[in-house]
Amino acid sequence: MQALNDYVAQKNYWNSLFQSAPLDLSNAQDRKTIAQSIDSELSPENLTCDGELPASQVRARYKQLNTVAKQLVKLDPTVTQFMYEFG
């Protein structure tokens, strides 16, 4: 679950900069918010930074986000709103 915890910590860091409430994995609504965030980051335009990233960085981001998504689904199988397939 380390990748998921790291992802949430990163999101909470950014949330703190914008004075938003922190995300909590024990909260069902926050888990849905995290799933939506992962889903958004897996969209092709976001994953590739509109084609600006080299393929190696895109693959690394894809792998990291898929790991986070799998860990989130393992924690909460009801979170099923991923539009982009992860293997």
N, C-alpha and C. Protein backbone atom coordinates (compact mmCIF):
# COMPACT_ATOMS: atom_id res chain seq x y z
N MET A 1 0.80 -1.20 0.00
CA MET A 1 0.00 0.00 0.00
C MET A 1 0.85 1.28 0.00
N GLN A 2 2.16 1.10 -0.09
CA GLN A 2 3.05 2.26 -0.02
C GLN A 2 2.82 3.23 -1.17
N ALA A 3 2.61 2.71 -2.38
CA ALA A 3 2.38 3.60 -3.52
C ALA A 3 1.11 4.43 -3.32
N LEU A 4 0.06 3.79 -2.82
CA LEU A 4 -1.20 4.50 -2.56
C LEU A 4 -1.00 5.55 -1.47
N ASN A 5 -0.32 5.19 -0.40
CA ASN A 5 -0.06 6.16 0.68
C ASN A 5 0.77 7.33 0.18
N ASP A 6 1.76 7.06 -0.64
CA ASP A 6 2.59 8.13 -1.21
C ASP A 6 1.76 9.04 -2.11
N TYR A 7 0.88 8.44 -2.91
CA TYR A 7 0.02 9.21 -3.81
C TYR A 7 -0.89 10.14 -3.01
N VAL A 8 -1.50 9.61 -1.96
CA VAL A 8 -2.39 10.42 -1.12
C VAL A 8 -1.60 11.52 -0.42
N ALA A 9 -0.41 11.21 0.04
CA ALA A 9 0.43 12.23 0.69
C ALA A 9 0.75 13.36 -0.29
N GLN A 10 1.04 13.00 -1.54
CA GLN A 10 1.32 14.03 -2.55
C GLN A 10 0.07 14.88 -2.81
N LYS A 11 -1.08 14.24 -2.92
CA LYS A 11 -2.34 14.98 -3.13
C LYS A 11 -2.62 15.89 -1.94
N ASN A 12 -2.37 15.40 -0.74
CA ASN A 12 -2.60 16.21 0.46
C ASN A 12 -1.65 17.39 0.55
N TYR A 13 -0.43 17.21 0.06
CA TYR A 13 0.52 18.32 0.01
C TYR A 13 -0.05 19.44 -0.87
N TRP A 14 -0.50 19.07 -2.07
CA TRP A 14 -1.07 20.06 -2.98
C TRP A 14 -2.36 20.65 -2.41
N ASN A 15 -3.17 19.82 -1.78
CA ASN A 15 -4.40 20.33 -1.15
C ASN A 15 -4.08 21.37 -0.09
N SER A 16 -3.00 21.15 0.67
CA SER A 16 -2.63 22.10 1.71
C SER A 16 -2.21 23.45 1.13
N LEU A 17 -1.59 23.43 -0.03
CA LEU A 17 -1.19 24.68 -0.68
C LEU A 17 -2.40 25.51 -1.09
N PHE A 18 -3.48 24.81 -1.44
CA PHE A 18 -4.70 25.49 -1.87
C PHE A 18 -5.75 25.52 -0.76
N GLN A 19 -5.32 25.21 0.45
CA GLN A 19 -6.16 25.24 1.65
C GLN A 19 -7.42 24.38 1.49
N SER A 20 -7.25 23.22 0.86
CA SER A 20 -8.32 22.24 0.72
C SER A 20 -8.18 21.19 1.82
N ALA A 21 -9.27 20.54 2.10
CA ALA A 21 -9.26 19.50 3.13
C ALA A 21 -8.40 18.32 2.69
N PRO A 22 -7.67 17.71 3.61
CA PRO A 22 -6.86 16.54 3.25
C PRO A 22 -7.74 15.33 2.96
N LEU A 23 -7.21 14.45 2.12
CA LEU A 23 -7.89 13.20 1.79
C LEU A 23 -7.53 12.15 2.82
N ASP A 24 -8.49 11.27 3.13
CA ASP A 24 -8.30 10.24 4.13
C ASP A 24 -8.76 8.91 3.55
N LEU A 25 -7.87 7.94 3.50
CA LEU A 25 -8.21 6.63 2.92
C LEU A 25 -9.28 5.89 3.71
N SER A 26 -9.53 6.27 4.95
CA SER A 26 -10.56 5.60 5.73
C SER A 26 -11.96 6.15 5.43
N ASN A 27 -12.03 7.19 4.62
CA ASN A 27 -13.30 7.82 4.27
C ASN A 27 -13.72 7.38 2.87
N ALA A 28 -14.92 6.81 2.74
CA ALA A 28 -15.40 6.27 1.46
C ALA A 28 -15.47 7.35 0.38
N GLN A 29 -15.94 8.54 0.73
CA GLN A 29 -16.03 9.62 -0.26
C GLN A 29 -14.65 10.05 -0.73
N ASP A 30 -13.69 10.10 0.18
CA ASP A 30 -12.32 10.45 -0.20
C ASP A 30 -11.72 9.38 -1.11
N ARG A 31 -12.04 8.11 -0.87
CA ARG A 31 -11.54 7.05 -1.77
C ARG A 31 -12.11 7.24 -3.17
N LYS A 32 -13.36 7.66 -3.28
CA LYS A 32 -13.95 7.94 -4.60
C LYS A 32 -13.25 9.13 -5.25
N THR A 33 -12.95 10.14 -4.46
CA THR A 33 -12.23 11.31 -4.98
C THR A 33 -10.85 10.91 -5.47
N ILE A 34 -10.17 10.06 -4.73
CA ILE A 34 -8.85 9.57 -5.14
C ILE A 34 -8.97 8.77 -6.44
N ALA A 35 -9.99 7.93 -6.55
CA ALA A 35 -10.20 7.15 -7.77
C ALA A 35 -10.44 8.07 -8.96
N GLN A 36 -11.21 9.11 -8.77
CA GLN A 36 -11.46 10.07 -9.85
C GLN A 36 -10.18 10.79 -10.25
N SER A 37 -9.35 11.09 -9.27
CA SER A 37 -8.08 11.75 -9.56
C SER A 37 -7.16 10.84 -10.37
N ILE A 38 -7.09 9.57 -9.97
CA ILE A 38 -6.28 8.60 -10.71
C ILE A 38 -6.80 8.47 -12.12
N ASP A 39 -8.12 8.36 -12.25
CA ASP A 39 -8.75 8.25 -13.55
C ASP A 39 -8.39 9.43 -14.44
N SER A 40 -8.44 10.62 -13.87
CA SER A 40 -8.09 11.82 -14.63
C SER A 40 -6.63 11.80 -15.06
N GLU A 41 -5.76 11.39 -14.16
CA GLU A 41 -4.33 11.35 -14.49
C GLU A 41 -4.00 10.28 -15.51
N LEU A 42 -4.85 9.25 -15.63
CA LEU A 42 -4.62 8.19 -16.62
C LEU A 42 -5.16 8.55 -18.00
N SER A 43 -5.88 9.66 -18.12
CA SER A 43 -6.35 10.06 -19.45
C SER A 43 -5.13 10.34 -20.32
N PRO A 44 -5.21 10.01 -21.60
CA PRO A 44 -4.03 10.15 -22.46
C PRO A 44 -3.41 11.55 -22.46
N GLU A 45 -4.23 12.59 -22.48
CA GLU A 45 -3.65 13.94 -22.53
C GLU A 45 -2.95 14.30 -21.23
N ASN A 46 -3.46 13.84 -20.10
CA ASN A 46 -2.79 14.11 -18.82
C ASN A 46 -1.58 13.21 -18.62
N LEU A 47 -1.72 11.96 -18.99
CA LEU A 47 -0.63 11.00 -18.81
C LEU A 47 0.62 11.44 -19.58
N THR A 48 0.41 11.97 -20.76
CA THR A 48 1.55 12.35 -21.61
C THR A 48 1.89 13.83 -21.53
N CYS A 49 1.17 14.57 -20.66
CA CYS A 49 1.32 16.04 -20.59
C CYS A 49 1.17 16.64 -21.99
N ASP A 50 0.07 16.27 -22.63
CA ASP A 50 -0.24 16.72 -23.99
C ASP A 50 0.88 16.41 -24.98
N GLY A 51 1.49 15.24 -24.81
CA GLY A 51 2.52 14.79 -25.73
C GLY A 51 3.90 15.35 -25.46
N GLU A 52 4.06 16.06 -24.37
CA GLU A 52 5.35 16.69 -24.05
C GLU A 52 6.34 15.76 -23.36
N LEU A 53 5.86 14.70 -22.72
CA LEU A 53 6.77 13.81 -21.99
C LEU A 53 7.38 12.76 -22.91
N PRO A 54 8.62 12.39 -22.66
CA PRO A 54 9.22 11.28 -23.40
C PRO A 54 8.53 9.97 -23.01
N ALA A 55 8.58 9.01 -23.91
CA ALA A 55 7.90 7.73 -23.71
C ALA A 55 8.32 7.05 -22.42
N SER A 56 9.57 7.17 -22.04
CA SER A 56 10.02 6.52 -20.80
C SER A 56 9.32 7.09 -19.57
N GLN A 57 9.10 8.40 -19.54
CA GLN A 57 8.40 9.02 -18.42
C GLN A 57 6.91 8.66 -18.44
N VAL A 58 6.33 8.57 -19.62
CA VAL A 58 4.93 8.17 -19.74
C VAL A 58 4.75 6.75 -19.20
N ARG A 59 5.64 5.85 -19.58
CA ARG A 59 5.55 4.47 -19.08
C ARG A 59 5.70 4.42 -17.56
N ALA A 60 6.61 5.20 -17.02
CA ALA A 60 6.82 5.22 -15.56
C ALA A 60 5.59 5.77 -14.85
N ARG A 61 5.00 6.84 -15.37
CA ARG A 61 3.79 7.40 -14.77
C ARG A 61 2.64 6.41 -14.84
N TYR A 62 2.51 5.76 -15.99
CA TYR A 62 1.44 4.78 -16.19
C TYR A 62 1.58 3.63 -15.19
N LYS A 63 2.80 3.14 -15.05
CA LYS A 63 3.06 2.04 -14.12
C LYS A 63 2.75 2.47 -12.68
N GLN A 64 3.19 3.65 -12.30
CA GLN A 64 2.95 4.15 -10.95
C GLN A 64 1.46 4.33 -10.68
N LEU A 65 0.74 4.93 -11.61
CA LEU A 65 -0.69 5.15 -11.43
C LEU A 65 -1.47 3.84 -11.41
N ASN A 66 -1.05 2.88 -12.21
CA ASN A 66 -1.71 1.57 -12.19
C ASN A 66 -1.48 0.86 -10.86
N THR A 67 -0.30 0.99 -10.32
CA THR A 67 -0.01 0.40 -9.01
C THR A 67 -0.90 1.03 -7.95
N VAL A 68 -1.01 2.34 -7.98
CA VAL A 68 -1.87 3.05 -7.02
C VAL A 68 -3.32 2.61 -7.20
N ALA A 69 -3.78 2.52 -8.44
CA ALA A 69 -5.17 2.12 -8.70
C ALA A 69 -5.44 0.71 -8.19
N LYS A 70 -4.53 -0.21 -8.43
CA LYS A 70 -4.71 -1.58 -7.95
C LYS A 70 -4.77 -1.63 -6.43
N GLN A 71 -3.91 -0.86 -5.78
CA GLN A 71 -3.90 -0.83 -4.32
C GLN A 71 -5.20 -0.23 -3.78
N LEU A 72 -5.72 0.79 -4.46
CA LEU A 72 -6.98 1.40 -4.04
C LEU A 72 -8.14 0.42 -4.19
N VAL A 73 -8.18 -0.29 -5.31
CA VAL A 73 -9.25 -1.27 -5.53
C VAL A 73 -9.14 -2.41 -4.53
N LYS A 74 -7.93 -2.79 -4.20
CA LYS A 74 -7.74 -3.84 -3.18
C LYS A 74 -8.27 -3.38 -1.82
N LEU A 75 -8.04 -2.11 -1.50
CA LEU A 75 -8.53 -1.53 -0.26
C LEU A 75 -10.05 -1.38 -0.27
N ASP A 76 -10.58 -0.97 -1.43
CA ASP A 76 -12.02 -0.71 -1.55
C ASP A 76 -12.51 -1.22 -2.90
N PRO A 77 -12.97 -2.46 -2.97
CA PRO A 77 -13.44 -3.03 -4.24
C PRO A 77 -14.64 -2.32 -4.85
N THR A 78 -15.32 -1.48 -4.08
CA THR A 78 -16.48 -0.77 -4.63
C THR A 78 -16.07 0.41 -5.51
N VAL A 79 -14.82 0.79 -5.46
CA VAL A 79 -14.34 1.90 -6.28
C VAL A 79 -14.07 1.35 -7.69
N THR A 80 -15.02 1.59 -8.57
CA THR A 80 -14.92 0.98 -9.90
C THR A 80 -15.10 1.99 -11.03
N GLN A 81 -14.83 3.25 -10.78
CA GLN A 81 -15.09 4.24 -11.81
C GLN A 81 -13.91 4.53 -12.72
N PHE A 82 -12.96 3.62 -12.77
CA PHE A 82 -11.82 3.84 -13.67
C PHE A 82 -12.24 3.66 -15.11
N MET A 83 -12.06 4.68 -15.91
CA MET A 83 -12.40 4.60 -17.33
C MET A 83 -11.26 3.95 -18.11
N TYR A 84 -10.06 4.16 -17.69
CA TYR A 84 -8.89 3.69 -18.43
C TYR A 84 -8.44 2.36 -17.86
N GLU A 85 -8.28 1.43 -18.73
CA GLU A 85 -7.94 0.04 -18.35
C GLU A 85 -6.58 0.00 -17.68
N PHE A 86 -6.52 -0.72 -16.58
CA PHE A 86 -5.22 -0.99 -15.96
C PHE A 86 -5.11 -2.49 -15.80
N GLY A 87 -3.89 -2.98 -16.03
CA GLY A 87 -3.70 -4.42 -16.08
C GLY A 87 -3.22 -5.06 -14.83
